[in-house]
Amino acid sequence: MKSLCDALEHFLGFVCALAVGSFTFLIILDVACRFVFHFPITWLNELSIFLFQLTSFTGATIALRKGLHFGLGLMVQDIWPKLSKTLQPIAIVVVAITSGLIVYLAIIMAKQAWHSTYTTLPFSQATIYVVTMISAVIMVLFSIEELLERFSTPSQRSA
């Protein structure tokens, strides 16, 4: 499972880096076209917003894998250090359940938006909800991996 999660993390990192680079380039292009050449390109705004959303969801998934998620785990360690070993798995379960809820809601929202396209882009607005759902599924997988790692024996962890 660790090698699958490592591969997913690397892939998401690549997607996130590509999205950030594209987002940055499009913003610079949009500013140049709009203010220097006085020729606005309308689809750049919508594509930039889409790439920002894509970056947010892939980045959140990577942050979860690296243990930087939502501050819940850090809060447990700082406030109740003696209970940290007991409360950390609970925090991981809360994140997994919340991610599962996001999957469910993203499916509902994707169904509702499936036939609605962006004003200037040739694809469905449901695309971002599909991205959200995929990110949340991977978050559930990363949470399960973290739980399995916490409850495995020390000899299993080194393997």
N, C-alpha and C. Protein backbone atom coordinates (compact mmCIF):
# COMPACT_ATOMS: atom_id res chain seq x y z
N MET A 1 0.83 -1.19 0.00
CA MET A 1 0.00 0.00 0.00
C MET A 1 0.87 1.25 0.00
N LYS A 2 2.01 1.19 0.70
CA LYS A 2 2.89 2.35 0.77
C LYS A 2 3.40 2.74 -0.61
N SER A 3 3.77 1.76 -1.42
CA SER A 3 4.29 2.09 -2.76
C SER A 3 3.20 2.71 -3.64
N LEU A 4 1.96 2.23 -3.50
CA LEU A 4 0.84 2.83 -4.23
C LEU A 4 0.64 4.28 -3.79
N CYS A 5 0.66 4.51 -2.49
CA CYS A 5 0.47 5.86 -1.96
C CYS A 5 1.63 6.77 -2.35
N ASP A 6 2.86 6.22 -2.36
CA ASP A 6 4.01 7.01 -2.80
C ASP A 6 3.85 7.42 -4.27
N ALA A 7 3.43 6.47 -5.09
CA ALA A 7 3.23 6.78 -6.51
C ALA A 7 2.12 7.82 -6.70
N LEU A 8 1.03 7.68 -5.96
CA LEU A 8 -0.05 8.67 -6.04
C LEU A 8 0.43 10.06 -5.59
N GLU A 9 1.21 10.09 -4.53
CA GLU A 9 1.73 11.37 -4.04
C GLU A 9 2.63 12.03 -5.09
N HIS A 10 3.49 11.25 -5.72
CA HIS A 10 4.37 11.80 -6.76
C HIS A 10 3.56 12.30 -7.95
N PHE A 11 2.57 11.52 -8.36
CA PHE A 11 1.72 11.94 -9.48
C PHE A 11 0.97 13.23 -9.14
N LEU A 12 0.40 13.29 -7.93
CA LEU A 12 -0.31 14.49 -7.52
C LEU A 12 0.64 15.69 -7.43
N GLY A 13 1.85 15.46 -6.99
CA GLY A 13 2.84 16.53 -6.94
C GLY A 13 3.14 17.06 -8.34
N PHE A 14 3.24 16.15 -9.30
CA PHE A 14 3.47 16.56 -10.69
C PHE A 14 2.28 17.37 -11.21
N VAL A 15 1.07 16.87 -10.97
CA VAL A 15 -0.15 17.57 -11.42
C VAL A 15 -0.23 18.95 -10.77
N CYS A 16 0.04 19.00 -9.48
CA CYS A 16 -0.02 20.27 -8.74
C CYS A 16 1.02 21.25 -9.26
N ALA A 17 2.24 20.80 -9.49
CA ALA A 17 3.29 21.68 -10.01
C ALA A 17 2.94 22.17 -11.41
N LEU A 18 2.42 21.28 -12.24
CA LEU A 18 2.01 21.66 -13.58
C LEU A 18 0.87 22.69 -13.53
N ALA A 19 -0.08 22.47 -12.64
CA ALA A 19 -1.21 23.40 -12.50
C ALA A 19 -0.74 24.76 -11.99
N VAL A 20 0.17 24.79 -11.01
CA VAL A 20 0.69 26.06 -10.49
C VAL A 20 1.46 26.80 -11.58
N GLY A 21 2.30 26.08 -12.30
CA GLY A 21 3.05 26.71 -13.39
C GLY A 21 2.14 27.26 -14.48
N SER A 22 1.14 26.48 -14.86
CA SER A 22 0.19 26.93 -15.88
C SER A 22 -0.62 28.12 -15.37
N PHE A 23 -1.06 28.03 -14.13
CA PHE A 23 -1.83 29.10 -13.51
C PHE A 23 -1.03 30.41 -13.52
N THR A 24 0.24 30.33 -13.12
CA THR A 24 1.10 31.50 -13.09
C THR A 24 1.29 32.09 -14.49
N PHE A 25 1.58 31.22 -15.45
CA PHE A 25 1.74 31.67 -16.83
C PHE A 25 0.48 32.34 -17.36
N LEU A 26 -0.68 31.73 -17.09
CA LEU A 26 -1.95 32.30 -17.59
C LEU A 26 -2.27 33.64 -16.94
N ILE A 27 -1.97 33.80 -15.67
CA ILE A 27 -2.21 35.08 -15.00
C ILE A 27 -1.33 36.16 -15.61
N ILE A 28 -0.06 35.85 -15.83
CA ILE A 28 0.85 36.82 -16.45
C ILE A 28 0.38 37.16 -17.87
N LEU A 29 -0.01 36.14 -18.63
CA LEU A 29 -0.52 36.35 -19.98
C LEU A 29 -1.79 37.21 -19.96
N ASP A 30 -2.68 36.93 -19.02
CA ASP A 30 -3.92 37.68 -18.90
C ASP A 30 -3.65 39.16 -18.60
N VAL A 31 -2.76 39.40 -17.65
CA VAL A 31 -2.42 40.79 -17.30
C VAL A 31 -1.78 41.50 -18.49
N ALA A 32 -0.86 40.82 -19.17
CA ALA A 32 -0.20 41.43 -20.33
C ALA A 32 -1.21 41.73 -21.44
N CYS A 33 -2.07 40.77 -21.74
CA CYS A 33 -3.05 41.00 -22.81
C CYS A 33 -4.04 42.11 -22.44
N ARG A 34 -4.47 42.11 -21.22
CA ARG A 34 -5.49 43.07 -20.80
C ARG A 34 -4.95 44.49 -20.66
N PHE A 35 -3.80 44.64 -20.02
CA PHE A 35 -3.31 45.98 -19.69
C PHE A 35 -2.23 46.51 -20.62
N VAL A 36 -1.46 45.64 -21.22
CA VAL A 36 -0.40 46.10 -22.12
C VAL A 36 -0.93 46.21 -23.56
N PHE A 37 -1.60 45.14 -24.02
CA PHE A 37 -2.07 45.11 -25.40
C PHE A 37 -3.53 45.55 -25.54
N HIS A 38 -4.22 45.78 -24.43
CA HIS A 38 -5.64 46.19 -24.43
C HIS A 38 -6.50 45.22 -25.23
N PHE A 39 -6.19 43.94 -25.04
CA PHE A 39 -6.90 42.88 -25.74
C PHE A 39 -7.20 41.75 -24.75
N PRO A 40 -8.32 41.85 -24.02
CA PRO A 40 -8.60 40.81 -23.02
C PRO A 40 -8.99 39.48 -23.69
N ILE A 41 -8.48 38.43 -23.13
CA ILE A 41 -8.84 37.08 -23.58
C ILE A 41 -9.72 36.49 -22.48
N THR A 42 -11.01 36.36 -22.74
CA THR A 42 -11.98 36.04 -21.69
C THR A 42 -11.80 34.66 -21.09
N TRP A 43 -11.39 33.68 -21.85
CA TRP A 43 -11.30 32.33 -21.32
C TRP A 43 -10.14 32.14 -20.34
N LEU A 44 -9.18 33.07 -20.33
CA LEU A 44 -8.06 32.94 -19.40
C LEU A 44 -8.51 33.00 -17.94
N ASN A 45 -9.49 33.85 -17.65
CA ASN A 45 -9.97 33.94 -16.26
C ASN A 45 -10.57 32.63 -15.79
N GLU A 46 -11.44 32.05 -16.59
CA GLU A 46 -12.09 30.79 -16.16
C GLU A 46 -11.08 29.66 -16.05
N LEU A 47 -10.15 29.58 -16.98
CA LEU A 47 -9.14 28.53 -16.91
C LEU A 47 -8.24 28.73 -15.70
N SER A 48 -7.92 29.97 -15.38
CA SER A 48 -7.10 30.26 -14.20
C SER A 48 -7.82 29.83 -12.92
N ILE A 49 -9.11 30.12 -12.85
CA ILE A 49 -9.89 29.71 -11.68
C ILE A 49 -9.92 28.19 -11.57
N PHE A 50 -10.14 27.51 -12.69
CA PHE A 50 -10.15 26.04 -12.69
C PHE A 50 -8.81 25.49 -12.20
N LEU A 51 -7.71 26.05 -12.71
CA LEU A 51 -6.39 25.57 -12.31
C LEU A 51 -6.11 25.86 -10.83
N PHE A 52 -6.61 26.99 -10.34
CA PHE A 52 -6.47 27.29 -8.91
C PHE A 52 -7.21 26.26 -8.07
N GLN A 53 -8.42 25.91 -8.49
CA GLN A 53 -9.19 24.89 -7.76
C GLN A 53 -8.49 23.54 -7.82
N LEU A 54 -7.98 23.19 -8.98
CA LEU A 54 -7.25 21.93 -9.13
C LEU A 54 -6.04 21.90 -8.21
N THR A 55 -5.31 23.00 -8.16
CA THR A 55 -4.14 23.10 -7.28
C THR A 55 -4.54 22.97 -5.82
N SER A 56 -5.64 23.59 -5.44
CA SER A 56 -6.10 23.53 -4.05
C SER A 56 -6.40 22.10 -3.62
N PHE A 57 -7.13 21.36 -4.46
CA PHE A 57 -7.51 20.00 -4.07
C PHE A 57 -6.34 19.03 -4.13
N THR A 58 -5.49 19.14 -5.13
CA THR A 58 -4.33 18.24 -5.16
C THR A 58 -3.34 18.60 -4.05
N GLY A 59 -3.19 19.90 -3.79
CA GLY A 59 -2.30 20.33 -2.70
C GLY A 59 -2.79 19.87 -1.34
N ALA A 60 -4.10 19.93 -1.12
CA ALA A 60 -4.66 19.46 0.16
C ALA A 60 -4.41 17.97 0.35
N THR A 61 -4.50 17.22 -0.74
CA THR A 61 -4.27 15.78 -0.66
C THR A 61 -2.80 15.48 -0.32
N ILE A 62 -1.90 16.21 -0.95
CA ILE A 62 -0.47 16.04 -0.66
C ILE A 62 -0.18 16.44 0.79
N ALA A 63 -0.79 17.55 1.24
CA ALA A 63 -0.58 18.00 2.61
C ALA A 63 -1.05 16.95 3.62
N LEU A 64 -2.16 16.29 3.32
CA LEU A 64 -2.65 15.23 4.20
C LEU A 64 -1.62 14.12 4.31
N ARG A 65 -1.06 13.71 3.19
CA ARG A 65 -0.07 12.62 3.19
C ARG A 65 1.17 13.00 4.00
N LYS A 66 1.53 14.26 3.96
CA LYS A 66 2.73 14.71 4.67
C LYS A 66 2.44 15.07 6.12
N GLY A 67 1.18 14.89 6.56
CA GLY A 67 0.82 15.16 7.94
C GLY A 67 0.59 16.63 8.24
N LEU A 68 0.31 17.41 7.24
CA LEU A 68 0.11 18.85 7.42
C LEU A 68 -1.35 19.24 7.26
N HIS A 69 -2.24 18.30 7.45
CA HIS A 69 -3.66 18.52 7.18
C HIS A 69 -4.37 19.31 8.27
N PHE A 70 -4.99 20.34 7.90
CA PHE A 70 -6.02 21.05 8.65
C PHE A 70 -5.67 21.39 10.11
N GLY A 71 -4.48 21.12 10.56
CA GLY A 71 -4.08 21.49 11.91
C GLY A 71 -4.66 20.63 13.02
N LEU A 72 -5.51 19.67 12.71
CA LEU A 72 -6.15 18.86 13.74
C LEU A 72 -5.12 18.04 14.51
N GLY A 73 -4.22 17.39 13.80
CA GLY A 73 -3.20 16.60 14.47
C GLY A 73 -2.24 17.45 15.28
N LEU A 74 -1.90 18.62 14.76
CA LEU A 74 -1.00 19.52 15.49
C LEU A 74 -1.67 20.03 16.76
N MET A 75 -2.97 20.32 16.67
CA MET A 75 -3.71 20.81 17.83
C MET A 75 -3.72 19.77 18.94
N VAL A 76 -3.93 18.52 18.57
CA VAL A 76 -3.96 17.44 19.56
C VAL A 76 -2.61 17.35 20.27
N GLN A 77 -1.52 17.42 19.52
CA GLN A 77 -0.19 17.31 20.12
C GLN A 77 0.10 18.47 21.06
N ASP A 78 -0.29 19.67 20.68
CA ASP A 78 0.02 20.85 21.49
C ASP A 78 -0.84 20.96 22.75
N ILE A 79 -2.11 20.66 22.63
CA ILE A 79 -3.03 20.85 23.75
C ILE A 79 -2.99 19.66 24.72
N TRP A 80 -2.98 18.45 24.19
CA TRP A 80 -3.00 17.26 25.03
C TRP A 80 -1.86 16.33 24.67
N PRO A 81 -0.61 16.68 25.00
CA PRO A 81 0.51 15.84 24.58
C PRO A 81 0.46 14.42 25.12
N LYS A 82 -0.09 14.24 26.35
CA LYS A 82 -0.14 12.89 26.93
C LYS A 82 -1.21 12.03 26.26
N LEU A 83 -2.25 12.68 25.73
CA LEU A 83 -3.31 11.94 25.06
C LEU A 83 -3.09 11.83 23.56
N SER A 84 -2.00 12.38 23.10
CA SER A 84 -1.74 12.45 21.66
C SER A 84 -1.77 11.08 20.98
N LYS A 85 -1.18 10.09 21.64
CA LYS A 85 -1.12 8.75 21.04
C LYS A 85 -2.51 8.16 20.86
N THR A 86 -3.43 8.50 21.75
CA THR A 86 -4.81 8.01 21.66
C THR A 86 -5.64 8.85 20.70
N LEU A 87 -5.44 10.18 20.74
CA LEU A 87 -6.28 11.07 19.96
C LEU A 87 -5.86 11.19 18.50
N GLN A 88 -4.61 10.94 18.18
CA GLN A 88 -4.15 11.03 16.79
C GLN A 88 -4.92 10.09 15.87
N PRO A 89 -5.11 8.81 16.23
CA PRO A 89 -5.91 7.95 15.35
C PRO A 89 -7.35 8.44 15.20
N ILE A 90 -7.90 9.03 16.25
CA ILE A 90 -9.25 9.58 16.17
C ILE A 90 -9.28 10.73 15.17
N ALA A 91 -8.25 11.58 15.22
CA ALA A 91 -8.16 12.69 14.27
C ALA A 91 -8.06 12.17 12.84
N ILE A 92 -7.31 11.10 12.64
CA ILE A 92 -7.17 10.50 11.30
C ILE A 92 -8.52 9.95 10.84
N VAL A 93 -9.26 9.31 11.73
CA VAL A 93 -10.59 8.79 11.38
C VAL A 93 -11.53 9.93 11.03
N VAL A 94 -11.46 11.03 11.78
CA VAL A 94 -12.31 12.20 11.48
C VAL A 94 -12.00 12.72 10.08
N VAL A 95 -10.72 12.80 9.74
CA VAL A 95 -10.32 13.26 8.40
C VAL A 95 -10.82 12.29 7.34
N ALA A 96 -10.72 10.98 7.59
CA ALA A 96 -11.18 9.99 6.63
C ALA A 96 -12.70 10.08 6.43
N ILE A 97 -13.43 10.24 7.52
CA ILE A 97 -14.90 10.35 7.41
C ILE A 97 -15.28 11.63 6.67
N THR A 98 -14.61 12.71 7.00
CA THR A 98 -14.88 13.98 6.31
C THR A 98 -14.56 13.86 4.82
N SER A 99 -13.48 13.20 4.49
CA SER A 99 -13.12 12.99 3.09
C SER A 99 -14.16 12.12 2.39
N GLY A 100 -14.67 11.11 3.10
CA GLY A 100 -15.74 10.28 2.54
C GLY A 100 -17.00 11.10 2.27
N LEU A 101 -17.32 12.01 3.17
CA LEU A 101 -18.46 12.90 2.97
C LEU A 101 -18.24 13.80 1.76
N ILE A 102 -17.01 14.28 1.59
CA ILE A 102 -16.68 15.10 0.41
C ILE A 102 -16.87 14.30 -0.87
N VAL A 103 -16.49 13.02 -0.86
CA VAL A 103 -16.70 12.16 -2.03
C VAL A 103 -18.19 12.11 -2.36
N TYR A 104 -19.00 11.85 -1.36
CA TYR A 104 -20.45 11.75 -1.56
C TYR A 104 -21.02 13.05 -2.12
N LEU A 105 -20.66 14.17 -1.51
CA LEU A 105 -21.18 15.47 -1.95
C LEU A 105 -20.66 15.85 -3.33
N ALA A 106 -19.42 15.51 -3.64
CA ALA A 106 -18.87 15.81 -4.96
C ALA A 106 -19.59 15.03 -6.05
N ILE A 107 -19.98 13.79 -5.74
CA ILE A 107 -20.75 13.01 -6.72
C ILE A 107 -22.09 13.67 -6.99
N ILE A 108 -22.76 14.10 -5.94
CA ILE A 108 -24.06 14.77 -6.10
C ILE A 108 -23.89 16.05 -6.92
N MET A 109 -22.89 16.84 -6.58
CA MET A 109 -22.68 18.10 -7.29
C MET A 109 -22.25 17.88 -8.73
N ALA A 110 -21.46 16.85 -9.00
CA ALA A 110 -21.05 16.55 -10.38
C ALA A 110 -22.26 16.14 -11.21
N LYS A 111 -23.16 15.35 -10.63
CA LYS A 111 -24.38 14.98 -11.35
C LYS A 111 -25.21 16.20 -11.70
N GLN A 112 -25.31 17.14 -10.76
CA GLN A 112 -26.10 18.35 -11.00
C GLN A 112 -25.46 19.25 -12.05
N ALA A 113 -24.14 19.31 -12.10
CA ALA A 113 -23.45 20.23 -12.99
C ALA A 113 -23.00 19.58 -14.30
N TRP A 114 -23.33 18.31 -14.50
CA TRP A 114 -22.78 17.56 -15.62
C TRP A 114 -23.07 18.21 -16.98
N HIS A 115 -24.26 18.72 -17.17
CA HIS A 115 -24.64 19.28 -18.48
C HIS A 115 -24.44 20.80 -18.54
N SER A 116 -23.77 21.35 -17.56
CA SER A 116 -23.51 22.78 -17.52
C SER A 116 -22.04 23.01 -17.88
N THR A 117 -21.80 23.82 -18.89
CA THR A 117 -20.42 24.09 -19.28
C THR A 117 -20.01 25.47 -18.82
N TYR A 118 -18.71 25.67 -18.78
CA TYR A 118 -18.19 27.00 -18.49
C TYR A 118 -18.60 27.93 -19.63
N THR A 119 -18.69 29.21 -19.34
CA THR A 119 -19.10 30.18 -20.35
C THR A 119 -18.14 30.22 -21.52
N THR A 120 -16.85 30.14 -21.23
CA THR A 120 -15.85 30.28 -22.30
C THR A 120 -14.97 29.05 -22.50
N LEU A 121 -15.18 28.00 -21.73
CA LEU A 121 -14.36 26.80 -21.86
C LEU A 121 -15.21 25.64 -22.40
N PRO A 122 -14.60 24.76 -23.17
CA PRO A 122 -15.38 23.71 -23.82
C PRO A 122 -15.56 22.43 -22.99
N PHE A 123 -15.61 22.54 -21.67
CA PHE A 123 -15.85 21.34 -20.87
C PHE A 123 -16.79 21.64 -19.72
N SER A 124 -17.31 20.58 -19.13
CA SER A 124 -18.35 20.67 -18.12
C SER A 124 -17.83 21.27 -16.81
N GLN A 125 -18.70 21.99 -16.13
CA GLN A 125 -18.36 22.50 -14.80
C GLN A 125 -18.26 21.36 -13.79
N ALA A 126 -18.79 20.22 -14.14
CA ALA A 126 -18.69 19.05 -13.26
C ALA A 126 -17.26 18.54 -13.14
N THR A 127 -16.41 18.95 -14.05
CA THR A 127 -15.01 18.49 -14.04
C THR A 127 -14.34 18.77 -12.70
N ILE A 128 -14.57 19.95 -12.15
CA ILE A 128 -13.92 20.28 -10.88
C ILE A 128 -14.47 19.43 -9.74
N TYR A 129 -15.74 19.03 -9.82
CA TYR A 129 -16.30 18.16 -8.78
C TYR A 129 -15.76 16.75 -8.91
N VAL A 130 -15.46 16.33 -10.12
CA VAL A 130 -14.82 15.02 -10.32
C VAL A 130 -13.41 15.06 -9.73
N VAL A 131 -12.70 16.16 -9.97
CA VAL A 131 -11.36 16.33 -9.38
C VAL A 131 -11.45 16.30 -7.85
N THR A 132 -12.46 16.99 -7.31
CA THR A 132 -12.67 17.01 -5.86
C THR A 132 -12.91 15.60 -5.34
N MET A 133 -13.76 14.85 -6.04
CA MET A 133 -14.06 13.48 -5.63
C MET A 133 -12.81 12.61 -5.65
N ILE A 134 -12.03 12.70 -6.72
CA ILE A 134 -10.81 11.90 -6.82
C ILE A 134 -9.83 12.27 -5.70
N SER A 135 -9.68 13.56 -5.44
CA SER A 135 -8.79 13.99 -4.35
C SER A 135 -9.26 13.45 -3.01
N ALA A 136 -10.57 13.50 -2.78
CA ALA A 136 -11.11 13.01 -1.51
C ALA A 136 -10.94 11.50 -1.37
N VAL A 137 -11.11 10.76 -2.47
CA VAL A 137 -10.89 9.31 -2.43
C VAL A 137 -9.43 9.02 -2.05
N ILE A 138 -8.52 9.77 -2.64
CA ILE A 138 -7.10 9.58 -2.32
C ILE A 138 -6.82 9.98 -0.87
N MET A 139 -7.53 11.01 -0.36
CA MET A 139 -7.38 11.38 1.05
C MET A 139 -7.83 10.24 1.97
N VAL A 140 -8.92 9.57 1.60
CA VAL A 140 -9.37 8.42 2.38
C VAL A 140 -8.30 7.34 2.35
N LEU A 141 -7.74 7.07 1.18
CA LEU A 141 -6.69 6.07 1.05
C LEU A 141 -5.47 6.44 1.90
N PHE A 142 -5.06 7.70 1.86
CA PHE A 142 -3.92 8.14 2.67
C PHE A 142 -4.23 8.03 4.16
N SER A 143 -5.47 8.29 4.55
CA SER A 143 -5.86 8.15 5.97
C SER A 143 -5.79 6.69 6.41
N ILE A 144 -6.27 5.81 5.56
CA ILE A 144 -6.21 4.37 5.86
C ILE A 144 -4.75 3.93 5.98
N GLU A 145 -3.92 4.41 5.06
CA GLU A 145 -2.49 4.08 5.13
C GLU A 145 -1.89 4.54 6.46
N GLU A 146 -2.23 5.76 6.87
CA GLU A 146 -1.71 6.29 8.14
C GLU A 146 -2.18 5.46 9.33
N LEU A 147 -3.45 5.08 9.32
CA LEU A 147 -3.96 4.24 10.41
C LEU A 147 -3.27 2.88 10.44
N LEU A 148 -3.10 2.26 9.29
CA LEU A 148 -2.43 0.96 9.23
C LEU A 148 -0.99 1.07 9.72
N GLU A 149 -0.34 2.17 9.36
CA GLU A 149 1.04 2.37 9.81
C GLU A 149 1.11 2.57 11.33
N ARG A 150 0.16 3.30 11.88
CA ARG A 150 0.15 3.54 13.33
C ARG A 150 -0.09 2.25 14.13
N PHE A 151 -0.91 1.37 13.59
CA PHE A 151 -1.26 0.16 14.33
C PHE A 151 -0.42 -1.06 13.94
N SER A 152 0.54 -0.89 13.03
CA SER A 152 1.39 -2.00 12.67
C SER A 152 2.49 -2.15 13.72
N THR A 153 3.07 -3.32 13.78
CA THR A 153 4.17 -3.55 14.72
C THR A 153 5.43 -2.90 14.16
N PRO A 154 6.41 -2.61 15.04
CA PRO A 154 7.64 -1.96 14.56
C PRO A 154 8.35 -2.77 13.47
N SER A 155 8.31 -4.10 13.51
CA SER A 155 8.97 -4.91 12.48
C SER A 155 8.26 -4.77 11.14
N GLN A 156 6.93 -4.58 11.15
CA GLN A 156 6.17 -4.39 9.91
C GLN A 156 6.46 -3.03 9.29
N ARG A 157 6.70 -2.01 10.13
CA ARG A 157 6.96 -0.66 9.64
C ARG A 157 8.26 -0.58 8.85
N SER A 158 9.28 -1.31 9.30
CA SER A 158 10.59 -1.25 8.62
C SER A 158 10.58 -2.03 7.31
N ALA A 159 9.61 -2.93 7.15
CA ALA A 159 9.56 -3.75 5.94
C ALA A 159 9.06 -2.98 4.75
